[in-house]
All heavy atoms as atom14 arrays in JSON, in Angstrom:
{
  "sequence": "FLWFVAFCFLANQWQWTTMSKGVSQGADAARAAIT",
  "atom14_mask": [
    [1, 1, 1, 1, 1, 1, 1, 1, 1, 1, 1, 0, 0, 0],
    [1, 1, 1, 1, 1, 1, 1, 1, 0, 0, 0, 0, 0, 0],
    [1, 1, 1, 1, 1, 1, 1, 1, 1, 1, 1, 1, 1, 1],
    [1, 1, 1, 1, 1, 1, 1, 1, 1, 1, 1, 0, 0, 0],
    [1, 1, 1, 1, 1, 1, 1, 0, 0, 0, 0, 0, 0, 0],
    [1, 1, 1, 1, 1, 0, 0, 0, 0, 0, 0, 0, 0, 0],
    [1, 1, 1, 1, 1, 1, 1, 1, 1, 1, 1, 0, 0, 0],
    [1, 1, 1, 1, 1, 1, 0, 0, 0, 0, 0, 0, 0, 0],
    [1, 1, 1, 1, 1, 1, 1, 1, 1, 1, 1, 0, 0, 0],
    [1, 1, 1, 1, 1, 1, 1, 1, 0, 0, 0, 0, 0, 0],
    [1, 1, 1, 1, 1, 0, 0, 0, 0, 0, 0, 0, 0, 0],
    [1, 1, 1, 1, 1, 1, 1, 1, 0, 0, 0, 0, 0, 0],
    [1, 1, 1, 1, 1, 1, 1, 1, 1, 0, 0, 0, 0, 0],
    [1, 1, 1, 1, 1, 1, 1, 1, 1, 1, 1, 1, 1, 1],
    [1, 1, 1, 1, 1, 1, 1, 1, 1, 0, 0, 0, 0, 0],
    [1, 1, 1, 1, 1, 1, 1, 1, 1, 1, 1, 1, 1, 1],
    [1, 1, 1, 1, 1, 1, 1, 0, 0, 0, 0, 0, 0, 0],
    [1, 1, 1, 1, 1, 1, 1, 0, 0, 0, 0, 0, 0, 0],
    [1, 1, 1, 1, 1, 1, 1, 1, 0, 0, 0, 0, 0, 0],
    [1, 1, 1, 1, 1, 1, 0, 0, 0, 0, 0, 0, 0, 0],
    [1, 1, 1, 1, 1, 1, 1, 1, 1, 0, 0, 0, 0, 0],
    [1, 1, 1, 1, 0, 0, 0, 0, 0, 0, 0, 0, 0, 0],
    [1, 1, 1, 1, 1, 1, 1, 0, 0, 0, 0, 0, 0, 0],
    [1, 1, 1, 1, 1, 1, 0, 0, 0, 0, 0, 0, 0, 0],
    [1, 1, 1, 1, 1, 1, 1, 1, 1, 0, 0, 0, 0, 0],
    [1, 1, 1, 1, 0, 0, 0, 0, 0, 0, 0, 0, 0, 0],
    [1, 1, 1, 1, 1, 0, 0, 0, 0, 0, 0, 0, 0, 0],
    [1, 1, 1, 1, 1, 1, 1, 1, 0, 0, 0, 0, 0, 0],
    [1, 1, 1, 1, 1, 0, 0, 0, 0, 0, 0, 0, 0, 0],
    [1, 1, 1, 1, 1, 0, 0, 0, 0, 0, 0, 0, 0, 0],
    [1, 1, 1, 1, 1, 1, 1, 1, 1, 1, 1, 0, 0, 0],
    [1, 1, 1, 1, 1, 0, 0, 0, 0, 0, 0, 0, 0, 0],
    [1, 1, 1, 1, 1, 0, 0, 0, 0, 0, 0, 0, 0, 0],
    [1, 1, 1, 1, 1, 1, 1, 1, 0, 0, 0, 0, 0, 0],
    [1, 1, 1, 1, 1, 1, 1, 0, 0, 0, 0, 0, 0, 0]
  ],
  "atom14_positions": [
    [[-37.78, -25.64, -11.08], [-37.71, -24.35, -10.38], [-37.36, -24.55, -8.91], [-36.51, -23.83, -8.36], [-39.05, -23.63, -10.51], [-39.15, -22.38, -9.69], [-38.49, -21.22, -10.08], [-39.91, -22.37, -8.52], [-38.57, -20.07, -9.3], [-40.0, -21.22, -7.75], [-39.33, -20.07, -8.15], [0.0, 0.0, 0.0], [0.0, 0.0, 0.0], [0.0, 0.0, 0.0]],
    [[-37.97, -25.54, -8.24], [-37.68, -25.78, -6.83], [-36.22, -26.17, -6.61], [-35.58, -25.71, -5.65], [-38.59, -26.87, -6.28], [-40.08, -26.55, -6.17], [-40.83, -27.72, -5.54], [-40.3, -25.29, -5.34], [0.0, 0.0, 0.0], [0.0, 0.0, 0.0], [0.0, 0.0, 0.0], [0.0, 0.0, 0.0], [0.0, 0.0, 0.0], [0.0, 0.0, 0.0]],
    [[-35.68, -26.98, -7.5], [-34.28, -27.37, -7.36], [-33.34, -26.2, -7.64], [-32.27, -26.1, -7.03], [-33.95, -28.54, -8.28], [-34.35, -29.88, -7.76], [-35.21, -30.76, -8.33], [-33.9, -30.49, -6.55], [-35.33, -31.89, -7.56], [-34.53, -31.75, -6.45], [-33.02, -30.11, -5.54], [-34.31, -32.62, -5.39], [-32.81, -30.97, -4.47], [-33.44, -32.21, -4.4]],
    [[-33.73, -25.33, -8.53], [-32.92, -24.13, -8.79], [-32.86, -23.25, -7.55], [-31.79, -22.76, -7.17], [-33.5, -23.36, -9.98], [-32.81, -22.06, -10.24], [-31.57, -22.02, -10.86], [-33.39, -20.85, -9.88], [-30.91, -20.82, -11.11], [-32.77, -19.65, -10.11], [-31.52, -19.63, -10.72], [0.0, 0.0, 0.0], [0.0, 0.0, 0.0], [0.0, 0.0, 0.0]],
    [[-34.01, -23.07, -6.91], [-34.05, -22.29, -5.68], [-33.23, -22.98, -4.59], [-32.5, -22.33, -3.82], [-35.5, -22.07, -5.22], [-35.54, -21.36, -3.87], [-36.26, -21.25, -6.26], [0.0, 0.0, 0.0], [0.0, 0.0, 0.0], [0.0, 0.0, 0.0], [0.0, 0.0, 0.0], [0.0, 0.0, 0.0], [0.0, 0.0, 0.0], [0.0, 0.0, 0.0]],
    [[-33.35, -24.31, -4.49], [-32.6, -25.05, -3.48], [-31.1, -24.91, -3.68], [-30.35, -24.7, -2.71], [-33.0, -26.52, -3.51], [0.0, 0.0, 0.0], [0.0, 0.0, 0.0], [0.0, 0.0, 0.0], [0.0, 0.0, 0.0], [0.0, 0.0, 0.0], [0.0, 0.0, 0.0], [0.0, 0.0, 0.0], [0.0, 0.0, 0.0], [0.0, 0.0, 0.0]],
    [[-30.66, -25.01, -4.92], [-29.23, -24.87, -5.2], [-28.73, -23.48, -4.82], [-27.69, -23.35, -4.15], [-28.97, -25.15, -6.68], [-27.59, -24.76, -7.13], [-26.48, -25.52, -6.76], [-27.38, -23.63, -7.91], [-25.2, -25.16, -7.16], [-26.11, -23.27, -8.31], [-25.02, -24.03, -7.94], [0.0, 0.0, 0.0], [0.0, 0.0, 0.0], [0.0, 0.0, 0.0]],
    [[-29.45, -22.46, -5.23], [-29.03, -21.09, -4.91], [-29.06, -20.83, -3.41], [-28.14, -20.21, -2.84], [-29.92, -20.08, -5.64], [-29.81, -20.13, -7.44], [0.0, 0.0, 0.0], [0.0, 0.0, 0.0], [0.0, 0.0, 0.0], [0.0, 0.0, 0.0], [0.0, 0.0, 0.0], [0.0, 0.0, 0.0], [0.0, 0.0, 0.0], [0.0, 0.0, 0.0]],
    [[-30.1, -21.31, -2.75], [-30.26, -21.09, -1.31], [-29.16, -21.79, -0.52], [-28.49, -21.19, 0.34], [-31.63, -21.59, -0.88], [-32.04, -21.18, 0.51], [-31.37, -20.17, 1.18], [-33.1, -21.8, 1.14], [-31.75, -19.78, 2.46], [-33.49, -21.42, 2.41], [-32.81, -20.41, 3.08], [0.0, 0.0, 0.0], [0.0, 0.0, 0.0], [0.0, 0.0, 0.0]],
    [[-28.94, -23.07, -0.8], [-27.92, -23.83, -0.07], [-26.52, -23.3, -0.36], [-25.69, -23.19, 0.56], [-28.01, -25.31, -0.42], [-29.3, -26.03, -0.02], [-29.27, -27.47, -0.48], [-29.51, -25.95, 1.49], [0.0, 0.0, 0.0], [0.0, 0.0, 0.0], [0.0, 0.0, 0.0], [0.0, 0.0, 0.0], [0.0, 0.0, 0.0], [0.0, 0.0, 0.0]],
    [[-26.24, -22.98, -1.62], [-24.92, -22.47, -1.96], [-24.64, -21.12, -1.3], [-23.53, -20.86, -0.81], [-24.78, -22.34, -3.48], [0.0, 0.0, 0.0], [0.0, 0.0, 0.0], [0.0, 0.0, 0.0], [0.0, 0.0, 0.0], [0.0, 0.0, 0.0], [0.0, 0.0, 0.0], [0.0, 0.0, 0.0], [0.0, 0.0, 0.0], [0.0, 0.0, 0.0]],
    [[-25.66, -20.27, -1.25], [-25.49, -18.96, -0.61], [-25.26, -19.1, 0.89], [-24.36, -18.45, 1.46], [-26.71, -18.1, -0.88], [-26.65, -16.75, -0.2], [-27.2, -16.57, 0.89], [-25.97, -15.79, -0.82], [0.0, 0.0, 0.0], [0.0, 0.0, 0.0], [0.0, 0.0, 0.0], [0.0, 0.0, 0.0], [0.0, 0.0, 0.0], [0.0, 0.0, 0.0]],
    [[-26.03, -19.95, 1.55], [-25.88, -20.13, 3.0], [-24.56, -20.82, 3.34], [-23.93, -20.52, 4.36], [-27.05, -20.94, 3.55], [-28.37, -20.21, 3.5], [-28.35, -18.9, 4.26], [-28.01, -18.87, 5.45], [-28.69, -17.81, 3.59], [0.0, 0.0, 0.0], [0.0, 0.0, 0.0], [0.0, 0.0, 0.0], [0.0, 0.0, 0.0], [0.0, 0.0, 0.0]],
    [[-24.12, -21.74, 2.49], [-22.83, -22.4, 2.72], [-21.68, -21.41, 2.55], [-20.66, -21.51, 3.24], [-22.67, -23.57, 1.77], [-21.37, -24.31, 1.94], [-20.34, -24.36, 1.05], [-20.98, -25.1, 3.06], [-19.32, -25.14, 1.55], [-19.7, -25.6, 2.78], [-21.59, -25.42, 4.28], [-19.01, -26.43, 3.67], [-20.91, -26.24, 5.17], [-19.63, -26.72, 4.87]],
    [[-21.84, -20.46, 1.66], [-20.79, -19.45, 1.46], [-20.61, -18.6, 2.72], [-19.49, -18.16, 3.03], [-21.16, -18.57, 0.26], [-20.1, -17.54, -0.09], [-20.51, -16.7, -1.29], [-21.61, -16.87, -1.83], [-19.64, -15.8, -1.71], [0.0, 0.0, 0.0], [0.0, 0.0, 0.0], [0.0, 0.0, 0.0], [0.0, 0.0, 0.0], [0.0, 0.0, 0.0]],
    [[-21.7, -18.36, 3.43], [-21.63, -17.54, 4.64], [-21.44, -18.35, 5.91], [-21.46, -17.79, 7.02], [-22.91, -16.7, 4.76], [-23.03, -15.65, 3.7], [-23.78, -15.7, 2.57], [-22.37, -14.38, 3.69], [-23.62, -14.56, 1.83], [-22.77, -13.72, 2.5], [-21.47, -13.74, 4.56], [-22.31, -12.45, 2.16], [-21.02, -12.47, 4.23], [-21.43, -11.84, 3.05]],
    [[-21.23, -19.64, 5.78], [-21.06, -20.49, 6.96], [-19.66, -20.33, 7.54], [-18.66, -20.34, 6.81], [-21.29, -21.97, 6.59], [-22.61, -22.12, 6.09], [-21.09, -22.87, 7.79], [0.0, 0.0, 0.0], [0.0, 0.0, 0.0], [0.0, 0.0, 0.0], [0.0, 0.0, 0.0], [0.0, 0.0, 0.0], [0.0, 0.0, 0.0], [0.0, 0.0, 0.0]],
    [[-19.59, -20.17, 8.83], [-18.3, -20.08, 9.54], [-17.82, -21.49, 9.86], [-18.53, -22.27, 10.49], [-18.45, -19.28, 10.83], [-18.95, -17.97, 10.54], [-17.1, -19.15, 11.55], [0.0, 0.0, 0.0], [0.0, 0.0, 0.0], [0.0, 0.0, 0.0], [0.0, 0.0, 0.0], [0.0, 0.0, 0.0], [0.0, 0.0, 0.0], [0.0, 0.0, 0.0]],
    [[-16.63, -21.81, 9.42], [-16.09, -23.15, 9.62], [-15.72, -23.36, 11.08], [-15.13, -22.5, 11.72], [-14.87, -23.37, 8.73], [-15.17, -23.35, 7.24], [-16.37, -24.59, 6.72], [-15.48, -26.09, 7.13], [0.0, 0.0, 0.0], [0.0, 0.0, 0.0], [0.0, 0.0, 0.0], [0.0, 0.0, 0.0], [0.0, 0.0, 0.0], [0.0, 0.0, 0.0]],
    [[-16.11, -24.51, 11.58], [-15.77, -24.92, 12.94], [-15.52, -26.42, 12.92], [-15.6, -27.07, 11.87], [-16.88, -24.54, 13.92], [-18.08, -25.22, 13.58], [0.0, 0.0, 0.0], [0.0, 0.0, 0.0], [0.0, 0.0, 0.0], [0.0, 0.0, 0.0], [0.0, 0.0, 0.0], [0.0, 0.0, 0.0], [0.0, 0.0, 0.0], [0.0, 0.0, 0.0]],
    [[-15.24, -26.97, 14.07], [-14.96, -28.4, 14.13], [-16.19, -29.2, 13.73], [-16.1, -30.17, 12.97], [-14.52, -28.78, 15.54], [-14.14, -30.25, 15.67], [-13.67, -30.57, 17.06], [-13.29, -32.05, 17.18], [-12.83, -32.4, 18.55], [0.0, 0.0, 0.0], [0.0, 0.0, 0.0], [0.0, 0.0, 0.0], [0.0, 0.0, 0.0], [0.0, 0.0, 0.0]],
    [[-17.35, -28.8, 14.25], [-18.57, -29.52, 13.9], [-18.96, -29.33, 12.44], [-19.42, -30.27, 11.78], [0.0, 0.0, 0.0], [0.0, 0.0, 0.0], [0.0, 0.0, 0.0], [0.0, 0.0, 0.0], [0.0, 0.0, 0.0], [0.0, 0.0, 0.0], [0.0, 0.0, 0.0], [0.0, 0.0, 0.0], [0.0, 0.0, 0.0], [0.0, 0.0, 0.0]],
    [[-18.77, -28.14, 11.94], [-19.11, -27.87, 10.53], [-18.21, -28.65, 9.59], [-18.66, -29.18, 8.56], [-19.03, -26.36, 10.25], [-19.18, -26.08, 8.76], [-20.08, -25.61, 11.04], [0.0, 0.0, 0.0], [0.0, 0.0, 0.0], [0.0, 0.0, 0.0], [0.0, 0.0, 0.0], [0.0, 0.0, 0.0], [0.0, 0.0, 0.0], [0.0, 0.0, 0.0]],
    [[-16.94, -28.74, 9.93], [-15.99, -29.45, 9.07], [-16.33, -30.94, 8.96], [-16.04, -31.58, 7.95], [-14.57, -29.27, 9.59], [-14.45, -29.8, 10.9], [0.0, 0.0, 0.0], [0.0, 0.0, 0.0], [0.0, 0.0, 0.0], [0.0, 0.0, 0.0], [0.0, 0.0, 0.0], [0.0, 0.0, 0.0], [0.0, 0.0, 0.0], [0.0, 0.0, 0.0]],
    [[-16.96, -31.5, 9.98], [-17.33, -32.91, 9.93], [-18.45, -33.18, 8.92], [-18.5, -34.26, 8.33], [-17.77, -33.38, 11.33], [-16.65, -33.39, 12.35], [-17.13, -33.79, 13.73], [-18.33, -33.96, 13.95], [-16.19, -33.93, 14.67], [0.0, 0.0, 0.0], [0.0, 0.0, 0.0], [0.0, 0.0, 0.0], [0.0, 0.0, 0.0], [0.0, 0.0, 0.0]],
    [[-19.31, -32.21, 8.75], [-20.4, -32.39, 7.79], [-20.21, -31.61, 6.51], [-21.18, -31.46, 5.73], [0.0, 0.0, 0.0], [0.0, 0.0, 0.0], [0.0, 0.0, 0.0], [0.0, 0.0, 0.0], [0.0, 0.0, 0.0], [0.0, 0.0, 0.0], [0.0, 0.0, 0.0], [0.0, 0.0, 0.0], [0.0, 0.0, 0.0], [0.0, 0.0, 0.0]],
    [[-19.0, -31.14, 6.25], [-18.76, -30.32, 5.06], [-18.96, -31.12, 3.77], [-19.53, -30.61, 2.79], [-17.34, -29.75, 5.11], [0.0, 0.0, 0.0], [0.0, 0.0, 0.0], [0.0, 0.0, 0.0], [0.0, 0.0, 0.0], [0.0, 0.0, 0.0], [0.0, 0.0, 0.0], [0.0, 0.0, 0.0], [0.0, 0.0, 0.0], [0.0, 0.0, 0.0]],
    [[-18.52, -32.38, 3.76], [-18.67, -33.19, 2.54], [-20.15, -33.43, 2.22], [-20.55, -33.4, 1.05], [-17.96, -34.52, 2.72], [-16.44, -34.38, 2.77], [-15.94, -33.35, 2.27], [-15.78, -35.28, 3.32], [0.0, 0.0, 0.0], [0.0, 0.0, 0.0], [0.0, 0.0, 0.0], [0.0, 0.0, 0.0], [0.0, 0.0, 0.0], [0.0, 0.0, 0.0]],
    [[-20.96, -33.65, 3.25], [-22.39, -33.86, 3.02], [-23.04, -32.59, 2.51], [-23.92, -32.64, 1.64], [-23.05, -34.32, 4.32], [0.0, 0.0, 0.0], [0.0, 0.0, 0.0], [0.0, 0.0, 0.0], [0.0, 0.0, 0.0], [0.0, 0.0, 0.0], [0.0, 0.0, 0.0], [0.0, 0.0, 0.0], [0.0, 0.0, 0.0], [0.0, 0.0, 0.0]],
    [[-22.62, -31.43, 3.04], [-23.18, -30.16, 2.58], [-22.83, -29.92, 1.12], [-23.69, -29.49, 0.33], [-22.67, -29.03, 3.45], [0.0, 0.0, 0.0], [0.0, 0.0, 0.0], [0.0, 0.0, 0.0], [0.0, 0.0, 0.0], [0.0, 0.0, 0.0], [0.0, 0.0, 0.0], [0.0, 0.0, 0.0], [0.0, 0.0, 0.0], [0.0, 0.0, 0.0]],
    [[-21.59, -30.18, 0.76], [-21.18, -30.01, -0.65], [-21.91, -30.99, -1.56], [-22.26, -30.65, -2.69], [-19.67, -30.18, -0.77], [-18.85, -29.12, -0.04], [-17.38, -29.25, -0.38], [-16.57, -28.31, 0.4], [-15.92, -28.63, 1.52], [-15.98, -29.88, 1.99], [-15.2, -27.74, 2.18], [0.0, 0.0, 0.0], [0.0, 0.0, 0.0], [0.0, 0.0, 0.0]],
    [[-22.14, -32.21, -1.08], [-22.88, -33.19, -1.88], [-24.31, -32.74, -2.11], [-24.85, -32.87, -3.22], [-22.85, -34.55, -1.18], [0.0, 0.0, 0.0], [0.0, 0.0, 0.0], [0.0, 0.0, 0.0], [0.0, 0.0, 0.0], [0.0, 0.0, 0.0], [0.0, 0.0, 0.0], [0.0, 0.0, 0.0], [0.0, 0.0, 0.0], [0.0, 0.0, 0.0]],
    [[-24.95, -32.18, -1.08], [-26.32, -31.69, -1.23], [-26.39, -30.55, -2.24], [-27.3, -30.5, -3.08], [-26.86, -31.22, 0.12], [0.0, 0.0, 0.0], [0.0, 0.0, 0.0], [0.0, 0.0, 0.0], [0.0, 0.0, 0.0], [0.0, 0.0, 0.0], [0.0, 0.0, 0.0], [0.0, 0.0, 0.0], [0.0, 0.0, 0.0], [0.0, 0.0, 0.0]],
    [[-25.41, -29.66, -2.21], [-25.39, -28.55, -3.16], [-25.14, -29.06, -4.58], [-25.82, -28.65, -5.54], [-24.31, -27.53, -2.76], [-24.66, -26.89, -1.41], [-24.16, -26.45, -3.82], [-23.57, -26.0, -0.85], [0.0, 0.0, 0.0], [0.0, 0.0, 0.0], [0.0, 0.0, 0.0], [0.0, 0.0, 0.0], [0.0, 0.0, 0.0], [0.0, 0.0, 0.0]],
    [[-24.19, -29.97, -4.72], [-23.83, -30.48, -6.05], [-24.98, -31.23, -6.7], [-25.33, -31.0, -7.87], [-22.61, -31.4, -5.94], [-21.51, -30.68, -5.37], [-22.21, -31.94, -7.31], [0.0, 0.0, 0.0], [0.0, 0.0, 0.0], [0.0, 0.0, 0.0], [0.0, 0.0, 0.0], [0.0, 0.0, 0.0], [0.0, 0.0, 0.0], [0.0, 0.0, 0.0]]
  ]
}
């Protein structure tokens, strides 16, 4: 259950994230955490 909430929470917040130079540097790590 906790991992289900984590997946939904992280995926939702990543969807609303505005891409910038700093964000693009950590984009792969964010996608890895969601996956």
